[in-house]
N, C-alpha and C. Protein backbone atom coordinates (compact mmCIF):
# COMPACT_ATOMS: atom_id res chain seq x y z
N MET A 1 0.84 -1.18 0.00
CA MET A 1 0.00 0.00 0.00
C MET A 1 0.89 1.25 0.00
N PRO A 2 0.69 2.17 -0.91
CA PRO A 2 1.50 3.39 -0.90
C PRO A 2 1.36 4.12 0.42
N ILE A 3 2.43 4.78 0.84
CA ILE A 3 2.41 5.45 2.12
C ILE A 3 1.33 6.52 2.19
N SER A 4 1.00 7.12 1.02
CA SER A 4 -0.01 8.18 1.01
C SER A 4 -1.39 7.65 1.40
N ASP A 5 -1.59 6.32 1.29
CA ASP A 5 -2.88 5.73 1.60
C ASP A 5 -2.95 5.25 3.05
N ARG A 6 -1.85 5.36 3.80
CA ARG A 6 -1.85 4.87 5.16
C ARG A 6 -2.36 5.95 6.12
N ARG A 7 -2.93 5.54 7.20
CA ARG A 7 -3.40 6.47 8.22
C ARG A 7 -2.22 7.07 8.96
N ARG A 8 -2.37 8.32 9.32
CA ARG A 8 -1.29 9.01 10.01
C ARG A 8 -0.97 8.35 11.34
N ASP A 9 -1.97 7.75 11.99
CA ASP A 9 -1.76 7.20 13.32
C ASP A 9 -1.34 5.73 13.28
N ASP A 10 -0.97 5.20 12.08
CA ASP A 10 -0.41 3.85 12.02
C ASP A 10 0.82 3.79 12.91
N ALA A 11 1.00 2.68 13.60
CA ALA A 11 2.17 2.53 14.46
C ALA A 11 3.43 2.52 13.63
N LEU A 12 4.39 3.37 14.03
CA LEU A 12 5.67 3.41 13.33
C LEU A 12 6.47 2.18 13.70
N SER A 13 7.07 1.54 12.70
CA SER A 13 7.88 0.35 12.92
C SER A 13 9.04 0.35 11.94
N ARG A 14 10.04 -0.46 12.22
CA ARG A 14 11.17 -0.57 11.30
C ARG A 14 10.69 -1.10 9.95
N GLU A 15 9.76 -2.03 9.96
CA GLU A 15 9.23 -2.58 8.70
C GLU A 15 8.57 -1.49 7.87
N LEU A 16 7.77 -0.64 8.49
CA LEU A 16 7.11 0.45 7.78
C LEU A 16 8.14 1.44 7.23
N ILE A 17 9.16 1.72 8.04
CA ILE A 17 10.22 2.63 7.59
C ILE A 17 10.93 2.07 6.36
N VAL A 18 11.26 0.78 6.39
CA VAL A 18 11.97 0.15 5.28
C VAL A 18 11.09 0.12 4.04
N THR A 19 9.82 -0.23 4.20
CA THR A 19 8.89 -0.27 3.06
C THR A 19 8.77 1.10 2.41
N THR A 20 8.69 2.13 3.22
CA THR A 20 8.58 3.49 2.71
C THR A 20 9.87 3.92 2.02
N ALA A 21 11.00 3.53 2.60
CA ALA A 21 12.30 3.85 1.99
C ALA A 21 12.43 3.19 0.62
N ILE A 22 11.96 1.97 0.48
CA ILE A 22 12.00 1.28 -0.81
C ILE A 22 11.16 2.03 -1.83
N GLU A 23 9.99 2.49 -1.42
CA GLU A 23 9.14 3.28 -2.33
C GLU A 23 9.88 4.53 -2.80
N MET A 24 10.55 5.21 -1.88
CA MET A 24 11.27 6.43 -2.22
C MET A 24 12.47 6.13 -3.12
N LEU A 25 13.19 5.06 -2.82
CA LEU A 25 14.35 4.68 -3.63
C LEU A 25 13.93 4.29 -5.05
N ASP A 26 12.82 3.58 -5.16
CA ASP A 26 12.32 3.19 -6.49
C ASP A 26 11.91 4.42 -7.30
N ALA A 27 11.41 5.42 -6.61
CA ALA A 27 10.90 6.61 -7.30
C ALA A 27 12.01 7.57 -7.70
N THR A 28 13.02 7.73 -6.83
CA THR A 28 14.01 8.78 -7.07
C THR A 28 15.46 8.33 -6.93
N GLY A 29 15.71 7.06 -6.57
CA GLY A 29 17.08 6.62 -6.37
C GLY A 29 17.63 7.09 -5.04
N GLU A 30 18.90 6.75 -4.78
CA GLU A 30 19.48 7.07 -3.48
C GLU A 30 19.51 8.56 -3.20
N ARG A 31 19.73 9.37 -4.23
CA ARG A 31 19.81 10.82 -4.01
C ARG A 31 18.51 11.39 -3.45
N GLY A 32 17.41 10.71 -3.75
CA GLY A 32 16.12 11.21 -3.29
C GLY A 32 15.76 10.75 -1.89
N LEU A 33 16.63 9.91 -1.30
CA LEU A 33 16.34 9.40 0.05
C LEU A 33 17.20 10.11 1.08
N THR A 34 16.55 10.81 2.00
CA THR A 34 17.22 11.40 3.15
C THR A 34 16.43 11.02 4.39
N VAL A 35 17.08 11.04 5.53
CA VAL A 35 16.37 10.72 6.77
C VAL A 35 15.27 11.74 7.03
N ARG A 36 15.57 13.00 6.75
CA ARG A 36 14.56 14.05 6.96
C ARG A 36 13.38 13.85 6.01
N GLY A 37 13.69 13.52 4.73
CA GLY A 37 12.62 13.28 3.77
C GLY A 37 11.80 12.05 4.12
N LEU A 38 12.48 11.03 4.65
CA LEU A 38 11.78 9.82 5.06
C LEU A 38 10.83 10.12 6.22
N ALA A 39 11.30 10.92 7.17
CA ALA A 39 10.45 11.29 8.30
C ALA A 39 9.22 12.08 7.83
N ALA A 40 9.45 12.98 6.86
CA ALA A 40 8.33 13.75 6.33
C ALA A 40 7.33 12.85 5.62
N LYS A 41 7.84 11.89 4.86
CA LYS A 41 6.96 10.95 4.15
C LYS A 41 6.11 10.14 5.12
N LEU A 42 6.72 9.79 6.24
CA LEU A 42 6.03 9.00 7.25
C LEU A 42 5.20 9.87 8.20
N ARG A 43 5.35 11.19 8.04
CA ARG A 43 4.65 12.15 8.89
C ARG A 43 4.94 11.88 10.37
N THR A 44 6.26 11.80 10.63
CA THR A 44 6.70 11.58 12.00
C THR A 44 7.92 12.45 12.26
N GLY A 45 8.40 12.49 13.49
CA GLY A 45 9.56 13.27 13.84
C GLY A 45 10.85 12.49 13.67
N LEU A 46 11.97 13.22 13.59
CA LEU A 46 13.26 12.57 13.44
C LEU A 46 13.57 11.70 14.65
N GLY A 47 13.19 12.16 15.82
CA GLY A 47 13.44 11.38 17.03
C GLY A 47 12.77 10.02 16.99
N ALA A 48 11.52 9.99 16.54
CA ALA A 48 10.78 8.73 16.45
C ALA A 48 11.43 7.80 15.42
N LEU A 49 11.92 8.41 14.33
CA LEU A 49 12.56 7.61 13.28
C LEU A 49 13.86 6.99 13.79
N TYR A 50 14.65 7.80 14.50
CA TYR A 50 15.94 7.31 14.99
C TYR A 50 15.78 6.27 16.10
N TRP A 51 14.59 6.13 16.62
CA TRP A 51 14.34 5.05 17.59
C TRP A 51 14.43 3.69 16.91
N HIS A 52 14.18 3.65 15.57
CA HIS A 52 14.14 2.39 14.83
C HIS A 52 15.34 2.19 13.91
N VAL A 53 15.95 3.27 13.42
CA VAL A 53 17.10 3.17 12.51
C VAL A 53 18.19 4.13 12.97
N ARG A 54 19.44 3.76 12.69
CA ARG A 54 20.57 4.57 13.17
C ARG A 54 20.85 5.77 12.27
N ASN A 55 20.81 5.53 10.94
CA ASN A 55 21.18 6.58 9.99
C ASN A 55 20.74 6.13 8.59
N LYS A 56 21.11 6.89 7.58
CA LYS A 56 20.71 6.58 6.21
C LYS A 56 21.30 5.25 5.76
N ASP A 57 22.56 5.00 6.09
CA ASP A 57 23.18 3.73 5.68
C ASP A 57 22.43 2.54 6.26
N ASP A 58 21.99 2.66 7.49
CA ASP A 58 21.22 1.59 8.12
C ASP A 58 19.94 1.33 7.34
N VAL A 59 19.29 2.40 6.90
CA VAL A 59 18.07 2.27 6.09
C VAL A 59 18.38 1.60 4.76
N LEU A 60 19.48 2.00 4.12
CA LEU A 60 19.84 1.44 2.82
C LEU A 60 20.15 -0.05 2.92
N VAL A 61 20.88 -0.44 3.96
CA VAL A 61 21.18 -1.86 4.16
C VAL A 61 19.89 -2.64 4.36
N ALA A 62 19.01 -2.13 5.21
CA ALA A 62 17.76 -2.83 5.49
C ALA A 62 16.87 -2.91 4.25
N ALA A 63 16.83 -1.84 3.46
CA ALA A 63 16.01 -1.84 2.24
C ALA A 63 16.56 -2.83 1.23
N THR A 64 17.88 -2.86 1.07
CA THR A 64 18.49 -3.79 0.12
C THR A 64 18.25 -5.22 0.55
N ASP A 65 18.44 -5.49 1.84
CA ASP A 65 18.20 -6.85 2.35
C ASP A 65 16.74 -7.27 2.16
N ALA A 66 15.83 -6.34 2.39
CA ALA A 66 14.40 -6.66 2.27
C ALA A 66 14.05 -7.06 0.84
N VAL A 67 14.56 -6.32 -0.13
CA VAL A 67 14.26 -6.61 -1.53
C VAL A 67 14.88 -7.94 -1.94
N LEU A 68 16.14 -8.17 -1.57
CA LEU A 68 16.80 -9.41 -1.95
C LEU A 68 16.22 -10.62 -1.22
N ALA A 69 15.82 -10.42 0.04
CA ALA A 69 15.20 -11.52 0.78
C ALA A 69 13.91 -11.96 0.11
N GLU A 70 13.16 -11.00 -0.41
CA GLU A 70 11.93 -11.33 -1.12
C GLU A 70 12.23 -12.13 -2.39
N ALA A 71 13.38 -11.86 -3.00
CA ALA A 71 13.76 -12.59 -4.21
C ALA A 71 14.10 -14.04 -3.90
N LEU A 72 14.36 -14.35 -2.63
CA LEU A 72 14.74 -15.71 -2.25
C LEU A 72 13.58 -16.51 -1.66
N THR A 73 12.37 -15.96 -1.74
CA THR A 73 11.23 -16.64 -1.14
C THR A 73 10.64 -17.73 -2.02
N ALA A 74 11.03 -17.77 -3.30
CA ALA A 74 10.47 -18.77 -4.20
C ALA A 74 10.82 -20.18 -3.71
N ASP A 75 9.86 -21.05 -3.74
CA ASP A 75 10.05 -22.44 -3.29
C ASP A 75 10.73 -23.24 -4.40
N THR A 76 11.94 -23.72 -4.11
CA THR A 76 12.69 -24.50 -5.10
C THR A 76 12.78 -25.98 -4.72
N ALA A 77 11.99 -26.39 -3.72
CA ALA A 77 12.09 -27.76 -3.20
C ALA A 77 11.81 -28.81 -4.26
N ASP A 78 10.89 -28.52 -5.19
CA ASP A 78 10.50 -29.51 -6.19
C ASP A 78 11.31 -29.41 -7.48
N LEU A 79 12.29 -28.51 -7.51
CA LEU A 79 13.09 -28.32 -8.72
C LEU A 79 14.35 -29.17 -8.68
N ALA A 80 14.80 -29.57 -9.85
CA ALA A 80 16.12 -30.20 -9.95
C ALA A 80 17.16 -29.17 -9.49
N PRO A 81 18.29 -29.59 -8.93
CA PRO A 81 19.24 -28.62 -8.36
C PRO A 81 19.74 -27.58 -9.34
N ASP A 82 19.96 -27.97 -10.61
CA ASP A 82 20.41 -26.96 -11.57
C ASP A 82 19.30 -25.96 -11.88
N ASP A 83 18.05 -26.43 -11.95
CA ASP A 83 16.93 -25.51 -12.16
C ASP A 83 16.73 -24.61 -10.94
N ALA A 84 16.99 -25.15 -9.76
CA ALA A 84 16.88 -24.34 -8.54
C ALA A 84 17.91 -23.22 -8.54
N ILE A 85 19.11 -23.52 -8.99
CA ILE A 85 20.15 -22.50 -9.10
C ILE A 85 19.72 -21.43 -10.09
N ARG A 86 19.16 -21.83 -11.21
CA ARG A 86 18.67 -20.85 -12.19
C ARG A 86 17.58 -19.98 -11.58
N ALA A 87 16.70 -20.60 -10.79
CA ALA A 87 15.60 -19.85 -10.18
C ALA A 87 16.14 -18.81 -9.19
N VAL A 88 17.13 -19.18 -8.39
CA VAL A 88 17.74 -18.24 -7.45
C VAL A 88 18.40 -17.09 -8.22
N ALA A 89 19.17 -17.45 -9.25
CA ALA A 89 19.88 -16.44 -10.03
C ALA A 89 18.91 -15.47 -10.68
N LEU A 90 17.85 -15.99 -11.29
CA LEU A 90 16.89 -15.12 -11.96
C LEU A 90 16.10 -14.28 -10.95
N GLY A 91 15.85 -14.84 -9.77
CA GLY A 91 15.16 -14.06 -8.74
C GLY A 91 15.97 -12.84 -8.34
N VAL A 92 17.28 -13.03 -8.19
CA VAL A 92 18.16 -11.92 -7.85
C VAL A 92 18.23 -10.93 -9.01
N PHE A 93 18.37 -11.44 -10.23
CA PHE A 93 18.44 -10.56 -11.40
C PHE A 93 17.18 -9.71 -11.51
N ASP A 94 16.02 -10.33 -11.33
CA ASP A 94 14.76 -9.60 -11.45
C ASP A 94 14.62 -8.55 -10.34
N ALA A 95 15.14 -8.86 -9.15
CA ALA A 95 15.10 -7.89 -8.06
C ALA A 95 15.95 -6.67 -8.39
N PHE A 96 17.14 -6.90 -8.95
CA PHE A 96 18.00 -5.80 -9.37
C PHE A 96 17.33 -4.99 -10.49
N ASP A 97 16.68 -5.70 -11.41
CA ASP A 97 16.04 -5.03 -12.54
C ASP A 97 14.89 -4.14 -12.07
N ALA A 98 14.15 -4.62 -11.07
CA ALA A 98 13.01 -3.85 -10.57
C ALA A 98 13.45 -2.71 -9.64
N HIS A 99 14.62 -2.88 -9.02
CA HIS A 99 15.12 -1.88 -8.06
C HIS A 99 16.58 -1.59 -8.38
N PRO A 100 16.86 -0.82 -9.43
CA PRO A 100 18.25 -0.62 -9.89
C PRO A 100 19.20 -0.06 -8.84
N TRP A 101 18.69 0.63 -7.84
CA TRP A 101 19.55 1.21 -6.79
C TRP A 101 20.26 0.14 -5.97
N ILE A 102 19.77 -1.11 -6.02
CA ILE A 102 20.40 -2.18 -5.24
C ILE A 102 21.85 -2.39 -5.68
N GLY A 103 22.10 -2.31 -6.98
CA GLY A 103 23.44 -2.55 -7.48
C GLY A 103 24.46 -1.61 -6.87
N VAL A 104 24.09 -0.36 -6.72
CA VAL A 104 24.99 0.62 -6.12
C VAL A 104 25.23 0.28 -4.65
N GLN A 105 24.18 -0.11 -3.94
CA GLN A 105 24.31 -0.37 -2.51
C GLN A 105 25.20 -1.58 -2.22
N LEU A 106 25.05 -2.65 -2.98
CA LEU A 106 25.85 -3.85 -2.72
C LEU A 106 27.34 -3.59 -2.93
N SER A 107 27.67 -2.71 -3.86
CA SER A 107 29.08 -2.42 -4.12
C SER A 107 29.65 -1.42 -3.13
N ARG A 108 28.78 -0.67 -2.45
CA ARG A 108 29.24 0.41 -1.58
C ARG A 108 29.23 0.06 -0.11
N LEU A 109 28.22 -0.68 0.33
CA LEU A 109 28.07 -0.95 1.74
C LEU A 109 28.88 -2.17 2.16
N SER A 110 29.46 -2.10 3.32
CA SER A 110 30.40 -3.14 3.76
C SER A 110 29.70 -4.41 4.24
N SER A 111 28.48 -4.30 4.74
CA SER A 111 27.80 -5.46 5.30
C SER A 111 26.47 -5.67 4.61
N GLN A 112 26.27 -6.87 4.07
CA GLN A 112 25.01 -7.18 3.40
C GLN A 112 24.63 -8.61 3.74
N PRO A 113 23.87 -8.82 4.81
CA PRO A 113 23.55 -10.18 5.26
C PRO A 113 22.92 -11.06 4.19
N THR A 114 22.09 -10.49 3.34
CA THR A 114 21.39 -11.31 2.36
C THR A 114 22.35 -11.88 1.33
N THR A 115 23.49 -11.25 1.10
CA THR A 115 24.48 -11.80 0.18
C THR A 115 24.92 -13.18 0.65
N VAL A 116 25.09 -13.33 1.96
CA VAL A 116 25.48 -14.63 2.51
C VAL A 116 24.35 -15.64 2.33
N GLN A 117 23.11 -15.18 2.43
CA GLN A 117 21.98 -16.08 2.22
C GLN A 117 21.93 -16.58 0.78
N ILE A 118 22.23 -15.70 -0.17
CA ILE A 118 22.28 -16.12 -1.58
C ILE A 118 23.39 -17.15 -1.76
N PHE A 119 24.55 -16.88 -1.17
CA PHE A 119 25.68 -17.80 -1.26
C PHE A 119 25.31 -19.16 -0.66
N GLU A 120 24.64 -19.14 0.48
CA GLU A 120 24.21 -20.39 1.13
C GLU A 120 23.25 -21.17 0.24
N ARG A 121 22.29 -20.45 -0.35
CA ARG A 121 21.31 -21.13 -1.20
C ARG A 121 21.99 -21.76 -2.42
N LEU A 122 22.88 -21.03 -3.06
CA LEU A 122 23.60 -21.58 -4.22
C LEU A 122 24.44 -22.77 -3.80
N GLY A 123 25.13 -22.65 -2.67
CA GLY A 123 26.00 -23.74 -2.21
C GLY A 123 25.24 -25.01 -1.92
N ARG A 124 24.08 -24.89 -1.30
CA ARG A 124 23.30 -26.10 -0.99
C ARG A 124 22.82 -26.79 -2.25
N HIS A 125 22.42 -26.00 -3.24
CA HIS A 125 21.98 -26.62 -4.49
C HIS A 125 23.15 -27.27 -5.22
N LEU A 126 24.34 -26.69 -5.11
CA LEU A 126 25.52 -27.31 -5.72
C LEU A 126 25.84 -28.63 -5.03
N GLN A 127 25.67 -28.70 -3.72
CA GLN A 127 25.86 -29.95 -3.01
C GLN A 127 24.89 -31.02 -3.51
N THR A 128 23.62 -30.62 -3.65
CA THR A 128 22.61 -31.56 -4.16
C THR A 128 22.92 -31.98 -5.58
N LEU A 129 23.52 -31.07 -6.34
CA LEU A 129 23.89 -31.37 -7.72
C LEU A 129 25.01 -32.41 -7.79
N GLY A 130 25.71 -32.61 -6.68
CA GLY A 130 26.78 -33.59 -6.64
C GLY A 130 28.16 -33.04 -6.95
N VAL A 131 28.30 -31.72 -6.83
CA VAL A 131 29.61 -31.11 -7.06
C VAL A 131 30.57 -31.60 -5.98
N PRO A 132 31.78 -32.04 -6.32
CA PRO A 132 32.73 -32.54 -5.32
C PRO A 132 32.99 -31.50 -4.23
N ALA A 133 33.16 -31.97 -3.01
CA ALA A 133 33.32 -31.08 -1.86
C ALA A 133 34.49 -30.12 -2.03
N ASP A 134 35.57 -30.57 -2.66
CA ASP A 134 36.75 -29.71 -2.77
C ASP A 134 36.60 -28.61 -3.81
N THR A 135 35.52 -28.63 -4.57
CA THR A 135 35.30 -27.57 -5.56
C THR A 135 34.03 -26.76 -5.29
N GLN A 136 33.30 -27.13 -4.24
CA GLN A 136 32.03 -26.46 -3.96
C GLN A 136 32.22 -24.97 -3.65
N PHE A 137 33.24 -24.65 -2.86
CA PHE A 137 33.45 -23.24 -2.50
C PHE A 137 33.73 -22.40 -3.74
N ASP A 138 34.64 -22.88 -4.60
CA ASP A 138 34.98 -22.12 -5.81
C ASP A 138 33.77 -22.00 -6.73
N ALA A 139 33.01 -23.09 -6.84
CA ALA A 139 31.84 -23.07 -7.73
C ALA A 139 30.78 -22.10 -7.21
N ALA A 140 30.51 -22.13 -5.91
CA ALA A 140 29.51 -21.23 -5.34
C ALA A 140 29.97 -19.78 -5.44
N ALA A 141 31.26 -19.54 -5.21
CA ALA A 141 31.78 -18.18 -5.31
C ALA A 141 31.69 -17.66 -6.74
N ALA A 142 31.99 -18.53 -7.71
CA ALA A 142 31.92 -18.11 -9.12
C ALA A 142 30.48 -17.74 -9.49
N LEU A 143 29.53 -18.56 -9.05
CA LEU A 143 28.12 -18.26 -9.34
C LEU A 143 27.67 -16.97 -8.65
N LEU A 144 28.03 -16.82 -7.38
CA LEU A 144 27.63 -15.62 -6.65
C LEU A 144 28.21 -14.37 -7.30
N ASN A 145 29.50 -14.42 -7.62
CA ASN A 145 30.15 -13.25 -8.23
C ASN A 145 29.53 -12.91 -9.58
N TYR A 146 29.20 -13.96 -10.35
CA TYR A 146 28.57 -13.71 -11.65
C TYR A 146 27.18 -13.10 -11.47
N VAL A 147 26.38 -13.72 -10.61
CA VAL A 147 25.00 -13.26 -10.42
C VAL A 147 24.97 -11.81 -9.93
N LEU A 148 25.72 -11.52 -8.87
CA LEU A 148 25.71 -10.16 -8.32
C LEU A 148 26.40 -9.18 -9.26
N GLY A 149 27.47 -9.63 -9.91
CA GLY A 149 28.22 -8.74 -10.80
C GLY A 149 27.42 -8.32 -12.02
N VAL A 150 26.84 -9.29 -12.71
CA VAL A 150 26.09 -8.98 -13.93
C VAL A 150 24.79 -8.26 -13.60
N ALA A 151 24.09 -8.75 -12.58
CA ALA A 151 22.85 -8.09 -12.18
C ALA A 151 23.13 -6.66 -11.74
N GLY A 152 24.23 -6.47 -11.00
CA GLY A 152 24.59 -5.14 -10.55
C GLY A 152 24.99 -4.22 -11.69
N GLN A 153 25.71 -4.77 -12.66
CA GLN A 153 26.13 -3.96 -13.81
C GLN A 153 24.91 -3.51 -14.61
N ASN A 154 23.99 -4.43 -14.85
CA ASN A 154 22.78 -4.06 -15.58
C ASN A 154 21.97 -3.01 -14.81
N ALA A 155 21.92 -3.18 -13.48
CA ALA A 155 21.18 -2.21 -12.67
C ALA A 155 21.84 -0.84 -12.73
N ALA A 156 23.17 -0.82 -12.67
CA ALA A 156 23.89 0.45 -12.72
C ALA A 156 23.67 1.15 -14.06
N LEU A 157 23.67 0.37 -15.14
CA LEU A 157 23.43 0.95 -16.45
C LEU A 157 22.01 1.50 -16.55
N ALA A 158 21.07 0.74 -16.00
CA ALA A 158 19.67 1.18 -16.03
C ALA A 158 19.50 2.47 -15.24
N ALA A 159 20.20 2.55 -14.10
CA ALA A 159 20.09 3.75 -13.27
C ALA A 159 20.73 4.97 -13.92
N SER A 160 21.68 4.73 -14.84
CA SER A 160 22.38 5.84 -15.48
C SER A 160 21.64 6.41 -16.68
N VAL A 161 20.62 5.68 -17.16
CA VAL A 161 19.85 6.13 -18.32
C VAL A 161 18.93 7.27 -17.91
N GLU A 162 18.82 8.25 -18.77
CA GLU A 162 17.97 9.41 -18.48
C GLU A 162 16.51 8.97 -18.30
N PRO A 163 15.81 9.55 -17.34
CA PRO A 163 14.40 9.21 -17.13
C PRO A 163 13.59 9.39 -18.42
N GLY A 164 12.74 8.42 -18.71
CA GLY A 164 11.91 8.49 -19.89
C GLY A 164 12.55 7.92 -21.14
N ALA A 165 13.84 7.56 -21.05
CA ALA A 165 14.52 7.00 -22.22
C ALA A 165 13.97 5.62 -22.55
N VAL A 166 13.89 5.29 -23.83
CA VAL A 166 13.39 3.99 -24.29
C VAL A 166 14.58 3.06 -24.48
N ARG A 167 14.49 1.86 -23.88
CA ARG A 167 15.62 0.93 -23.91
C ARG A 167 16.08 0.65 -25.33
N SER A 168 15.15 0.42 -26.25
CA SER A 168 15.52 0.09 -27.62
C SER A 168 16.30 1.23 -28.27
N ASP A 169 15.95 2.46 -27.93
CA ASP A 169 16.68 3.61 -28.48
C ASP A 169 18.09 3.69 -27.90
N VAL A 170 18.21 3.40 -26.60
CA VAL A 170 19.54 3.42 -25.96
C VAL A 170 20.44 2.36 -26.59
N LEU A 171 19.90 1.15 -26.77
CA LEU A 171 20.69 0.07 -27.37
C LEU A 171 21.05 0.38 -28.82
N ALA A 172 20.13 0.99 -29.53
CA ALA A 172 20.40 1.35 -30.93
C ALA A 172 21.54 2.36 -31.00
N SER A 173 21.54 3.30 -30.06
CA SER A 173 22.61 4.30 -30.03
C SER A 173 23.96 3.65 -29.72
N MET A 174 23.97 2.77 -28.72
CA MET A 174 25.21 2.08 -28.35
C MET A 174 25.69 1.20 -29.50
N SER A 175 24.75 0.54 -30.18
CA SER A 175 25.09 -0.33 -31.30
C SER A 175 25.75 0.48 -32.42
N SER A 176 25.23 1.66 -32.67
CA SER A 176 25.81 2.52 -33.71
C SER A 176 27.23 2.94 -33.35
N VAL A 177 27.45 3.21 -32.06
CA VAL A 177 28.80 3.57 -31.61
C VAL A 177 29.75 2.40 -31.83
N TRP A 178 29.33 1.20 -31.44
CA TRP A 178 30.17 0.02 -31.63
C TRP A 178 30.48 -0.20 -33.11
N ALA A 179 29.44 -0.06 -33.94
CA ALA A 179 29.62 -0.30 -35.38
C ALA A 179 30.59 0.70 -36.01
N GLY A 180 30.73 1.86 -35.37
CA GLY A 180 31.61 2.88 -35.92
C GLY A 180 33.02 2.85 -35.38
N LEU A 181 33.35 1.87 -34.55
CA LEU A 181 34.70 1.77 -33.99
C LEU A 181 35.72 1.38 -35.05
N ASP A 182 36.97 1.63 -34.76
CA ASP A 182 38.05 1.30 -35.69
C ASP A 182 38.05 -0.20 -35.98
N PRO A 183 37.98 -0.60 -37.26
CA PRO A 183 37.87 -2.03 -37.61
C PRO A 183 39.12 -2.84 -37.26
N THR A 184 40.25 -2.20 -37.10
CA THR A 184 41.47 -2.93 -36.75
C THR A 184 41.54 -3.19 -35.25
N ASP A 185 41.24 -2.18 -34.47
CA ASP A 185 41.34 -2.31 -33.01
C ASP A 185 40.13 -2.98 -32.38
N TYR A 186 38.99 -2.91 -33.06
CA TYR A 186 37.75 -3.41 -32.47
C TYR A 186 36.98 -4.31 -33.45
N ALA A 187 37.68 -5.24 -34.06
CA ALA A 187 37.04 -6.10 -35.06
C ALA A 187 35.91 -6.91 -34.46
N PHE A 188 36.13 -7.49 -33.27
CA PHE A 188 35.08 -8.32 -32.65
C PHE A 188 33.88 -7.47 -32.24
N THR A 189 34.15 -6.36 -31.56
CA THR A 189 33.06 -5.51 -31.07
C THR A 189 32.20 -5.00 -32.22
N ARG A 190 32.84 -4.61 -33.31
CA ARG A 190 32.07 -4.18 -34.49
C ARG A 190 31.21 -5.34 -35.02
N GLY A 191 31.77 -6.54 -34.97
CA GLY A 191 31.07 -7.70 -35.52
C GLY A 191 29.81 -8.08 -34.76
N VAL A 192 29.77 -7.75 -33.46
CA VAL A 192 28.59 -8.11 -32.67
C VAL A 192 27.70 -6.90 -32.37
N ALA A 193 27.98 -5.79 -33.02
CA ALA A 193 27.21 -4.56 -32.76
C ALA A 193 25.72 -4.76 -33.00
N ALA A 194 25.37 -5.48 -34.04
CA ALA A 194 23.95 -5.70 -34.35
C ALA A 194 23.28 -6.54 -33.27
N GLN A 195 24.03 -7.49 -32.67
CA GLN A 195 23.47 -8.32 -31.61
C GLN A 195 23.20 -7.50 -30.35
N LEU A 196 24.03 -6.51 -30.10
CA LEU A 196 23.79 -5.62 -28.97
C LEU A 196 22.44 -4.95 -29.10
N ARG A 197 22.11 -4.53 -30.29
CA ARG A 197 20.84 -3.83 -30.53
C ARG A 197 19.63 -4.70 -30.21
N GLU A 198 19.74 -6.00 -30.47
CA GLU A 198 18.58 -6.88 -30.37
C GLU A 198 18.55 -7.74 -29.11
N HIS A 199 19.62 -7.76 -28.32
CA HIS A 199 19.72 -8.75 -27.24
C HIS A 199 18.76 -8.42 -26.09
N ASP A 200 18.46 -9.47 -25.32
CA ASP A 200 17.65 -9.34 -24.11
C ASP A 200 18.56 -9.58 -22.91
N ASP A 201 18.62 -8.63 -21.99
CA ASP A 201 19.54 -8.73 -20.85
C ASP A 201 19.29 -9.98 -20.02
N ARG A 202 18.03 -10.30 -19.78
CA ARG A 202 17.69 -11.44 -18.92
C ARG A 202 18.10 -12.75 -19.59
N ASP A 203 17.83 -12.88 -20.89
CA ASP A 203 18.22 -14.08 -21.62
C ASP A 203 19.74 -14.24 -21.64
N GLN A 204 20.44 -13.13 -21.83
CA GLN A 204 21.90 -13.18 -21.86
C GLN A 204 22.46 -13.56 -20.48
N PHE A 205 21.85 -13.03 -19.44
CA PHE A 205 22.24 -13.37 -18.07
C PHE A 205 22.07 -14.87 -17.83
N LEU A 206 20.92 -15.41 -18.22
CA LEU A 206 20.65 -16.83 -18.01
C LEU A 206 21.62 -17.70 -18.83
N ALA A 207 21.99 -17.25 -20.02
CA ALA A 207 22.97 -17.98 -20.82
C ALA A 207 24.29 -18.12 -20.07
N GLY A 208 24.70 -17.04 -19.40
CA GLY A 208 25.93 -17.09 -18.61
C GLY A 208 25.82 -18.07 -17.45
N VAL A 209 24.68 -18.09 -16.77
CA VAL A 209 24.46 -19.06 -15.69
C VAL A 209 24.56 -20.48 -16.23
N ASN A 210 23.96 -20.72 -17.40
CA ASN A 210 24.00 -22.05 -18.00
C ASN A 210 25.42 -22.47 -18.35
N TRP A 211 26.23 -21.54 -18.86
CA TRP A 211 27.62 -21.87 -19.18
C TRP A 211 28.40 -22.18 -17.91
N LEU A 212 28.15 -21.44 -16.84
CA LEU A 212 28.81 -21.73 -15.58
C LEU A 212 28.41 -23.12 -15.07
N LEU A 213 27.13 -23.42 -15.13
CA LEU A 213 26.67 -24.73 -14.67
C LEU A 213 27.26 -25.85 -15.51
N ALA A 214 27.36 -25.62 -16.82
CA ALA A 214 27.97 -26.63 -17.69
C ALA A 214 29.43 -26.86 -17.32
N GLY A 215 30.14 -25.78 -17.05
CA GLY A 215 31.55 -25.91 -16.64
C GLY A 215 31.69 -26.59 -15.31
N ILE A 216 30.82 -26.24 -14.36
CA ILE A 216 30.86 -26.88 -13.03
C ILE A 216 30.55 -28.37 -13.16
N GLY A 217 29.57 -28.70 -14.01
CA GLY A 217 29.19 -30.09 -14.18
C GLY A 217 30.28 -30.94 -14.83
N SER A 218 31.06 -30.30 -15.70
CA SER A 218 32.12 -31.05 -16.39
C SER A 218 33.44 -31.06 -15.62
N GLY A 219 33.46 -30.32 -14.49
CA GLY A 219 34.69 -30.24 -13.73
C GLY A 219 35.69 -29.30 -14.31
N ALA A 220 35.22 -28.33 -15.13
CA ALA A 220 36.14 -27.40 -15.80
C ALA A 220 36.91 -26.53 -14.84
N GLY A 221 36.32 -26.30 -13.65
CA GLY A 221 37.01 -25.44 -12.70
C GLY A 221 37.97 -26.19 -11.80
N ARG A 222 38.05 -27.50 -11.92
CA ARG A 222 38.93 -28.28 -11.07
C ARG A 222 40.38 -28.05 -11.42
N GLN A 223 41.23 -27.81 -10.44
CA GLN A 223 42.65 -27.62 -10.69
C GLN A 223 43.29 -28.94 -11.09
N GLN A 224 44.20 -28.84 -12.05
CA GLN A 224 44.90 -30.03 -12.53
C GLN A 224 46.14 -30.29 -11.66
């Protein structure tokens, strides 16, 4: 429920503060979120707000954790372990896509409890997949770094696009730049410029997860 629809005398809670902060972050990004602005949105005083949160960073950590935790609520019990890994990865990607500010927060803030939960979820599915114990840590780390890295990069790019810009127009512009690069220094990039124009970020992300899973399954990451 949007905060504007809530009664002024609703009990203030950390959950309400975080939910409202997420609404503000989705609307205006981190620059639009201040403790004073959050208090005004909640129609409460700064003192009451500080009873539940320490500062802006505390709010940002809690908001990021809340969004990512929601991405991990999907039930994967009935899925094959590789499909469960794909489901976790796509859940995180979709959370970043819906809330682009998350990418900035994960790279900036020192503590993010939900990151460990994602790592745990990926690791357990790798165990069920039958990945040897001596390679599980490397495999889980590779998946986590890929998922957070690519999802974060896409989120950062999305956040950098001017409000109201059409994705197809942005990709067309980037594709034209690639196509115009020096053919000697950038032969490959020029060659795939047309694919940049037409590609789907989510499909490309999932392709990378599949390649990682294929390599993990074949033991490609095992040291010789």
